[in-house]
């Protein structure tokens, strides 16, 4: 068994949680970490999706594309 501190550190990373807990969920009754880990993973996922949606909102993407196009047009040399 891993020490409790190391377990908590590893479980703090949402991507490691499902991998480590799968064996315990199949072979044993539902572990206490699963009860806490499922809402934790859902919360982290929702937060990442929310931040991504703020960054990638359509208005900001269109503005960014427009600015990049203007920058490219300004940098193109005029061939005479």
PDB file of N, CA and C in Angstrom:
ATOM      1  N   UNK A   1       0.828  -1.190   0.000  1.00  0.00           N
ATOM      2  CA  UNK A   1       0.000   0.000   0.000  1.00  0.00           C
ATOM      3  C   UNK A   1       0.873   1.255   0.000  1.00  0.00           C
ATOM      4  N   UNK A   2       0.361   2.263  -0.652  1.00  0.00           N
ATOM      5  CA  UNK A   2       1.058   3.546  -0.677  1.00  0.00           C
ATOM      6  C   UNK A   2       0.699   4.344   0.575  1.00  0.00           C
ATOM      7  N   UNK A   3       1.621   5.181   1.023  1.00  0.00           N
ATOM      8  CA  UNK A   3       1.281   6.066   2.143  1.00  0.00           C
ATOM      9  C   UNK A   3       0.146   7.018   1.749  1.00  0.00           C
ATOM     10  N   UNK A   4      -0.620   7.443   2.714  1.00  0.00           N
ATOM     11  CA  UNK A   4      -1.780   8.294   2.455  1.00  0.00           C
ATOM     12  C   UNK A   4      -1.389   9.603   1.771  1.00  0.00           C
ATOM     13  N   UNK A   5      -0.285  10.208   2.186  1.00  0.00           N
ATOM     14  CA  UNK A   5       0.157  11.463   1.574  1.00  0.00           C
ATOM     15  C   UNK A   5       0.458  11.310   0.094  1.00  0.00           C
ATOM     16  N   UNK A   6       1.132  10.216  -0.267  1.00  0.00           N
ATOM     17  CA  UNK A   6       1.450   9.957  -1.674  1.00  0.00           C
ATOM     18  C   UNK A   6       0.179   9.679  -2.471  1.00  0.00           C
ATOM     19  N   UNK A   7      -0.753   8.937  -1.874  1.00  0.00           N
ATOM     20  CA  UNK A   7      -2.032   8.672  -2.540  1.00  0.00           C
ATOM     21  C   UNK A   7      -2.763   9.973  -2.840  1.00  0.00           C
ATOM     22  N   UNK A   8      -2.828  10.847  -1.854  1.00  0.00           N
ATOM     23  CA  UNK A   8      -3.529  12.117  -2.050  1.00  0.00           C
ATOM     24  C   UNK A   8      -2.856  12.976  -3.113  1.00  0.00           C
ATOM     25  N   UNK A   9      -1.526  12.949  -3.145  1.00  0.00           N
ATOM     26  CA  UNK A   9      -0.796  13.706  -4.159  1.00  0.00           C
ATOM     27  C   UNK A   9      -1.094  13.170  -5.557  1.00  0.00           C
ATOM     28  N   UNK A  10      -1.080  11.857  -5.697  1.00  0.00           N
ATOM     29  CA  UNK A  10      -1.355  11.253  -7.004  1.00  0.00           C
ATOM     30  C   UNK A  10      -2.809  11.474  -7.402  1.00  0.00           C
ATOM     31  N   UNK A  11      -3.737  11.328  -6.454  1.00  0.00           N
ATOM     32  CA  UNK A  11      -5.152  11.527  -6.764  1.00  0.00           C
ATOM     33  C   UNK A  11      -5.478  12.986  -7.065  1.00  0.00           C
ATOM     34  N   UNK A  12      -4.606  13.909  -6.722  1.00  0.00           N
ATOM     35  CA  UNK A  12      -4.846  15.324  -7.014  1.00  0.00           C
ATOM     36  C   UNK A  12      -4.807  15.609  -8.511  1.00  0.00           C
ATOM     37  N   UNK A  13      -4.143  14.762  -9.276  1.00  0.00           N
ATOM     38  CA  UNK A  13      -4.112  14.906 -10.730  1.00  0.00           C
ATOM     39  C   UNK A  13      -5.306  14.164 -11.312  1.00  0.00           C
ATOM     40  N   UNK A  14      -6.251  14.855 -11.935  1.00  0.00           N
ATOM     41  CA  UNK A  14      -7.476  14.212 -12.411  1.00  0.00           C
ATOM     42  C   UNK A  14      -7.232  13.091 -13.415  1.00  0.00           C
ATOM     43  N   UNK A  15      -6.173  13.158 -14.185  1.00  0.00           N
ATOM     44  CA  UNK A  15      -5.952  12.110 -15.185  1.00  0.00           C
ATOM     45  C   UNK A  15      -5.428  10.822 -14.575  1.00  0.00           C
ATOM     46  N   UNK A  16      -4.816  10.873 -13.417  1.00  0.00           N
ATOM     47  CA  UNK A  16      -4.292   9.654 -12.800  1.00  0.00           C
ATOM     48  C   UNK A  16      -5.363   8.907 -12.017  1.00  0.00           C
ATOM     49  N   UNK A  17      -6.377   9.602 -11.596  1.00  0.00           N
ATOM     50  CA  UNK A  17      -7.396   9.002 -10.748  1.00  0.00           C
ATOM     51  C   UNK A  17      -8.091   7.802 -11.396  1.00  0.00           C
ATOM     52  N   UNK A  18      -8.637   7.902 -12.605  1.00  0.00           N
ATOM     53  CA  UNK A  18      -9.350   6.752 -13.173  1.00  0.00           C
ATOM     54  C   UNK A  18      -8.459   5.526 -13.367  1.00  0.00           C
ATOM     55  N   UNK A  19      -7.220   5.740 -13.714  1.00  0.00           N
ATOM     56  CA  UNK A  19      -6.313   4.620 -13.950  1.00  0.00           C
ATOM     57  C   UNK A  19      -6.026   3.876 -12.657  1.00  0.00           C
ATOM     58  N   UNK A  20      -5.765   4.603 -11.595  1.00  0.00           N
ATOM     59  CA  UNK A  20      -5.397   3.974 -10.329  1.00  0.00           C
ATOM     60  C   UNK A  20      -6.583   3.344  -9.609  1.00  0.00           C
ATOM     61  N   UNK A  21      -7.761   3.875  -9.782  1.00  0.00           N
ATOM     62  CA  UNK A  21      -8.897   3.420  -9.003  1.00  0.00           C
ATOM     63  C   UNK A  21      -9.656   2.272  -9.673  1.00  0.00           C
ATOM     64  N   UNK A  22      -9.433   2.030 -10.974  1.00  0.00           N
ATOM     65  CA  UNK A  22     -10.192   1.025 -11.708  1.00  0.00           C
ATOM     66  C   UNK A  22     -10.067  -0.358 -11.090  1.00  0.00           C
ATOM     67  N   UNK A  23      -8.873  -0.780 -10.785  1.00  0.00           N
ATOM     68  CA  UNK A  23      -8.661  -2.112 -10.202  1.00  0.00           C
ATOM     69  C   UNK A  23      -9.406  -2.254  -8.882  1.00  0.00           C
ATOM     70  N   UNK A  24      -9.307  -1.247  -8.039  1.00  0.00           N
ATOM     71  CA  UNK A  24      -9.991  -1.306  -6.750  1.00  0.00           C
ATOM     72  C   UNK A  24     -11.508  -1.350  -6.909  1.00  0.00           C
ATOM     73  N   UNK A  25     -12.027  -0.660  -7.902  1.00  0.00           N
ATOM     74  CA  UNK A  25     -13.473  -0.637  -8.096  1.00  0.00           C
ATOM     75  C   UNK A  25     -14.002  -1.981  -8.580  1.00  0.00           C
ATOM     76  N   UNK A  26     -13.198  -2.730  -9.325  1.00  0.00           N
ATOM     77  CA  UNK A  26     -13.634  -4.023  -9.844  1.00  0.00           C
ATOM     78  C   UNK A  26     -13.504  -5.112  -8.787  1.00  0.00           C
ATOM     79  N   UNK A  27     -12.392  -5.140  -8.078  1.00  0.00           N
ATOM     80  CA  UNK A  27     -12.103  -6.237  -7.159  1.00  0.00           C
ATOM     81  C   UNK A  27     -12.655  -6.039  -5.751  1.00  0.00           C
ATOM     82  N   UNK A  28     -12.895  -4.837  -5.328  1.00  0.00           N
ATOM     83  CA  UNK A  28     -13.304  -4.554  -3.951  1.00  0.00           C
ATOM     84  C   UNK A  28     -14.566  -3.708  -3.944  1.00  0.00           C
ATOM     85  N   UNK A  29     -15.154  -3.539  -2.767  1.00  0.00           N
ATOM     86  CA  UNK A  29     -16.266  -2.577  -2.683  1.00  0.00           C
ATOM     87  C   UNK A  29     -15.775  -1.172  -3.037  1.00  0.00           C
ATOM     88  N   UNK A  30     -16.700  -0.302  -3.321  1.00  0.00           N
ATOM     89  CA  UNK A  30     -16.359   1.063  -3.731  1.00  0.00           C
ATOM     90  C   UNK A  30     -15.447   1.719  -2.693  1.00  0.00           C
ATOM     91  N   UNK A  31     -14.225   2.083  -3.081  1.00  0.00           N
ATOM     92  CA  UNK A  31     -13.312   2.715  -2.120  1.00  0.00           C
ATOM     93  C   UNK A  31     -13.733   4.154  -1.815  1.00  0.00           C
ATOM     94  N   UNK A  32     -13.283   4.637  -0.685  1.00  0.00           N
ATOM     95  CA  UNK A  32     -13.614   5.996  -0.252  1.00  0.00           C
ATOM     96  C   UNK A  32     -13.092   7.036  -1.231  1.00  0.00           C
ATOM     97  N   UNK A  33     -11.931   6.762  -1.841  1.00  0.00           N
ATOM     98  CA  UNK A  33     -11.360   7.707  -2.801  1.00  0.00           C
ATOM     99  C   UNK A  33     -12.280   7.906  -4.000  1.00  0.00           C
ATOM    100  N   UNK A  34     -13.010   6.864  -4.382  1.00  0.00           N
ATOM    101  CA  UNK A  34     -13.918   6.978  -5.524  1.00  0.00           C
ATOM    102  C   UNK A  34     -15.066   7.920  -5.209  1.00  0.00           C
ATOM    103  N   UNK A  35     -15.540   7.856  -3.986  1.00  0.00           N
ATOM    104  CA  UNK A  35     -16.639   8.731  -3.585  1.00  0.00           C
ATOM    105  C   UNK A  35     -16.210  10.194  -3.679  1.00  0.00           C
ATOM    106  N   UNK A  36     -14.976  10.475  -3.324  1.00  0.00           N
ATOM    107  CA  UNK A  36     -14.468  11.847  -3.418  1.00  0.00           C
ATOM    108  C   UNK A  36     -13.935  12.165  -4.811  1.00  0.00           C
ATOM    109  N   UNK A  37     -13.390  11.175  -5.490  1.00  0.00           N
ATOM    110  CA  UNK A  37     -12.719  11.407  -6.759  1.00  0.00           C
ATOM    111  C   UNK A  37     -13.638  11.704  -7.916  1.00  0.00           C
ATOM    112  N   UNK A  38     -14.800  11.090  -7.940  1.00  0.00           N
ATOM    113  CA  UNK A  38     -15.720  11.307  -9.060  1.00  0.00           C
ATOM    114  C   UNK A  38     -16.201  12.761  -9.097  1.00  0.00           C
ATOM    115  N   UNK A  39     -16.683  13.326  -8.003  1.00  0.00           N
ATOM    116  CA  UNK A  39     -17.055  14.752  -8.060  1.00  0.00           C
ATOM    117  C   UNK A  39     -15.855  15.673  -8.313  1.00  0.00           C
ATOM    118  N   UNK A  40     -14.698  15.301  -7.791  1.00  0.00           N
ATOM    119  CA  UNK A  40     -13.492  16.106  -8.013  1.00  0.00           C
ATOM    120  C   UNK A  40     -13.151  16.145  -9.500  1.00  0.00           C
ATOM    121  N   UNK A  41     -13.157  14.981 -10.149  1.00  0.00           N
ATOM    122  CA  UNK A  41     -12.859  14.931 -11.584  1.00  0.00           C
ATOM    123  C   UNK A  41     -13.899  15.705 -12.382  1.00  0.00           C
ATOM    124  N   UNK A  42     -15.156  15.585 -12.003  1.00  0.00           N
ATOM    125  CA  UNK A  42     -16.212  16.311 -12.706  1.00  0.00           C
ATOM    126  C   UNK A  42     -16.043  17.821 -12.543  1.00  0.00           C
ATOM    127  N   UNK A  43     -15.655  18.260 -11.357  1.00  0.00           N
ATOM    128  CA  UNK A  43     -15.450  19.688 -11.109  1.00  0.00           C
ATOM    129  C   UNK A  43     -14.279  20.233 -11.916  1.00  0.00           C
ATOM    130  N   UNK A  44     -13.171  19.507 -11.927  1.00  0.00           N
ATOM    131  CA  UNK A  44     -12.001  19.944 -12.700  1.00  0.00           C
ATOM    132  C   UNK A  44     -12.343  19.995 -14.189  1.00  0.00           C
ATOM    133  N   UNK A  45     -13.062  18.979 -14.680  1.00  0.00           N
ATOM    134  CA  UNK A  45     -13.448  18.947 -16.092  1.00  0.00           C
ATOM    135  C   UNK A  45     -14.341  20.137 -16.431  1.00  0.00           C
ATOM    136  N   UNK A  46     -15.319  20.420 -15.586  1.00  0.00           N
ATOM    137  CA  UNK A  46     -16.215  21.550 -15.831  1.00  0.00           C
ATOM    138  C   UNK A  46     -15.453  22.871 -15.818  1.00  0.00           C
ATOM    139  N   UNK A  47     -14.505  23.019 -14.905  1.00  0.00           N
ATOM    140  CA  UNK A  47     -13.717  24.253 -14.837  1.00  0.00           C
ATOM    141  C   UNK A  47     -12.872  24.441 -16.093  1.00  0.00           C
ATOM    142  N   UNK A  48     -12.238  23.373 -16.555  1.00  0.00           N
ATOM    143  CA  UNK A  48     -11.417  23.458 -17.768  1.00  0.00           C
ATOM    144  C   UNK A  48     -12.291  23.787 -18.976  1.00  0.00           C
ATOM    145  N   UNK A  49     -13.458  23.167 -19.079  1.00  0.00           N
ATOM    146  CA  UNK A  49     -14.362  23.467 -20.191  1.00  0.00           C
ATOM    147  C   UNK A  49     -14.847  24.913 -20.145  1.00  0.00           C
ATOM    148  N   UNK A  50     -15.133  25.411 -18.960  1.00  0.00           N
ATOM    149  CA  UNK A  50     -15.595  26.794 -18.823  1.00  0.00           C
ATOM    150  C   UNK A  50     -14.511  27.784 -19.252  1.00  0.00           C
ATOM    151  N   UNK A  51     -13.299  27.575 -18.775  1.00  0.00           N
ATOM    152  CA  UNK A  51     -12.193  28.469 -19.140  1.00  0.00           C
ATOM    153  C   UNK A  51     -11.931  28.399 -20.641  1.00  0.00           C
ATOM    154  N   UNK A  52     -11.975  27.201 -21.200  1.00  0.00           N
ATOM    155  CA  UNK A  52     -11.772  27.043 -22.641  1.00  0.00           C
ATOM    156  C   UNK A  52     -12.865  27.754 -23.424  1.00  0.00           C
ATOM    157  N   UNK A  53     -14.107  27.659 -22.965  1.00  0.00           N
ATOM    158  CA  UNK A  53     -15.196  28.333 -23.676  1.00  0.00           C
ATOM    159  C   UNK A  53     -15.049  29.849 -23.619  1.00  0.00           C
ATOM    160  N   UNK A  54     -14.509  30.368 -22.524  1.00  0.00           N
ATOM    161  CA  UNK A  54     -14.275  31.811 -22.453  1.00  0.00           C
ATOM    162  C   UNK A  54     -13.189  32.240 -23.429  1.00  0.00           C
ATOM    163  N   UNK A  55     -12.146  31.440 -23.524  1.00  0.00           N
ATOM    164  CA  UNK A  55     -11.032  31.778 -24.409  1.00  0.00           C
ATOM    165  C   UNK A  55     -11.433  31.623 -25.868  1.00  0.00           C
ATOM    166  N   UNK A  56     -12.173  30.587 -26.161  1.00  0.00           N
ATOM    167  CA  UNK A  56     -12.487  30.258 -27.544  1.00  0.00           C
ATOM    168  C   UNK A  56     -13.877  30.720 -27.977  1.00  0.00           C
ATOM    169  N   UNK A  57     -14.395  31.764 -27.367  1.00  0.00           N
ATOM    170  CA  UNK A  57     -15.713  32.253 -27.768  1.00  0.00           C
ATOM    171  C   UNK A  57     -15.645  32.731 -29.220  1.00  0.00           C
ATOM    172  N   UNK A  58     -16.727  32.607 -29.955  1.00  0.00           N
ATOM    173  CA  UNK A  58     -16.706  32.953 -31.391  1.00  0.00           C
ATOM    174  C   UNK A  58     -16.258  34.377 -31.686  1.00  0.00           C
ATOM    175  N   UNK A  59     -16.672  35.344 -30.868  1.00  0.00           N
ATOM    176  CA  UNK A  59     -16.275  36.726 -31.142  1.00  0.00           C
ATOM    177  C   UNK A  59     -14.764  36.893 -31.050  1.00  0.00           C
ATOM    178  N   UNK A  60     -14.179  36.285 -30.051  1.00  0.00           N
ATOM    179  CA  UNK A  60     -12.735  36.413 -29.880  1.00  0.00           C
ATOM    180  C   UNK A  60     -11.993  35.713 -31.009  1.00  0.00           C
ATOM    181  N   UNK A  61     -12.504  34.561 -31.444  1.00  0.00           N
ATOM    182  CA  UNK A  61     -11.850  33.865 -32.550  1.00  0.00           C
ATOM    183  C   UNK A  61     -11.936  34.679 -33.834  1.00  0.00           C
ATOM    184  N   UNK A  62     -13.100  35.267 -34.104  1.00  0.00           N
ATOM    185  CA  UNK A  62     -13.237  36.080 -35.312  1.00  0.00           C
ATOM    186  C   UNK A  62     -12.336  37.309 -35.253  1.00  0.00           C
ATOM    187  N   UNK A  63     -12.258  37.938 -34.097  1.00  0.00           N
ATOM    188  CA  UNK A  63     -11.385  39.098 -33.933  1.00  0.00           C
ATOM    189  C   UNK A  63      -9.930  38.705 -34.135  1.00  0.00           C
ATOM    190  N   UNK A  64      -9.535  37.586 -33.574  1.00  0.00           N
ATOM    191  CA  UNK A  64      -8.160  37.116 -33.726  1.00  0.00           C
ATOM    192  C   UNK A  64      -7.848  36.815 -35.189  1.00  0.00           C
ATOM    193  N   UNK A  65      -8.770  36.151 -35.884  1.00  0.00           N
ATOM    194  CA  UNK A  65      -8.552  35.865 -37.303  1.00  0.00           C
ATOM    195  C   UNK A  65      -8.427  37.158 -38.099  1.00  0.00           C
ATOM    196  N   UNK A  66      -9.270  38.127 -37.805  1.00  0.00           N
ATOM    197  CA  UNK A  66      -9.227  39.407 -38.517  1.00  0.00           C
ATOM    198  C   UNK A  66      -7.895  40.116 -38.275  1.00  0.00           C
ATOM    199  N   UNK A  67      -7.441  40.133 -37.027  1.00  0.00           N
ATOM    200  CA  UNK A  67      -6.163  40.786 -36.718  1.00  0.00           C
ATOM    201  C   UNK A  67      -5.001  40.079 -37.401  1.00  0.00           C
ATOM    202  N   UNK A  68      -5.034  38.759 -37.428  1.00  0.00           N
ATOM    203  CA  UNK A  68      -3.956  38.018 -38.088  1.00  0.00           C
ATOM    204  C   UNK A  68      -3.944  38.290 -39.586  1.00  0.00           C
ATOM    205  N   UNK A  69      -5.122  38.378 -40.192  1.00  0.00           N
ATOM    206  CA  UNK A  69      -5.188  38.672 -41.625  1.00  0.00           C
ATOM    207  C   UNK A  69      -4.653  40.068 -41.918  1.00  0.00           C
ATOM    208  N   UNK A  70      -5.004  41.035 -41.068  1.00  0.00           N
ATOM    209  CA  UNK A  70      -4.486  42.394 -41.261  1.00  0.00           C
ATOM    210  C   UNK A  70      -2.974  42.426 -41.109  1.00  0.00           C
ATOM    211  N   UNK A  71      -2.459  41.689 -40.154  1.00  0.00           N
ATOM    212  CA  UNK A  71      -1.016  41.650 -39.924  1.00  0.00           C
ATOM    213  C   UNK A  71      -0.310  41.025 -41.125  1.00  0.00           C
ATOM    214  N   UNK A  72      -0.873  39.964 -41.668  1.00  0.00           N
ATOM    215  CA  UNK A  72      -0.266  39.303 -42.825  1.00  0.00           C
ATOM    216  C   UNK A  72      -0.299  40.242 -44.030  1.00  0.00           C
ATOM    217  N   UNK A  73      -1.398  40.959 -44.222  1.00  0.00           N
ATOM    218  CA  UNK A  73      -1.491  41.894 -45.348  1.00  0.00           C
ATOM    219  C   UNK A  73      -0.480  43.030 -45.217  1.00  0.00           C
ATOM    220  N   UNK A  74      -0.240  43.502 -44.004  1.00  0.00           N
ATOM    221  CA  UNK A  74       0.726  44.579 -43.795  1.00  0.00           C
ATOM    222  C   UNK A  74       2.150  44.106 -44.044  1.00  0.00           C
ATOM    223  N   UNK A  75       2.433  42.855 -43.751  1.00  0.00           N
ATOM    224  CA  UNK A  75       3.792  42.335 -43.888  1.00  0.00           C
ATOM    225  C   UNK A  75       4.124  41.922 -45.321  1.00  0.00           C
ATOM    226  N   UNK A  76       3.126  41.711 -46.173  1.00  0.00           N
ATOM    227  CA  UNK A  76       3.387  41.302 -47.552  1.00  0.00           C
ATOM    228  C   UNK A  76       4.028  42.452 -48.323  1.00  0.00           C
ATOM    229  N   UNK A  77       5.133  42.178 -48.980  1.00  0.00           N
ATOM    230  CA  UNK A  77       5.747  43.229 -49.801  1.00  0.00           C
ATOM    231  C   UNK A  77       4.937  43.440 -51.085  1.00  0.00           C
ATOM    232  N   UNK A  78       4.884  44.678 -51.513  1.00  0.00           N
ATOM    233  CA  UNK A  78       4.164  45.008 -52.736  1.00  0.00           C
ATOM    234  C   UNK A  78       5.101  44.789 -53.912  1.00  0.00           C
ATOM    235  N   UNK A  79       4.684  43.950 -54.850  1.00  0.00           N
ATOM    236  CA  UNK A  79       5.499  43.661 -56.035  1.00  0.00           C
ATOM    237  C   UNK A  79       5.026  44.571 -57.163  1.00  0.00           C
ATOM    238  N   UNK A  80       5.960  45.365 -57.709  1.00  0.00           N
ATOM    239  CA  UNK A  80       5.602  46.280 -58.802  1.00  0.00           C
ATOM    240  C   UNK A  80       6.123  45.785 -60.113  1.00  0.00           C
TER     241      UNK A  80
END
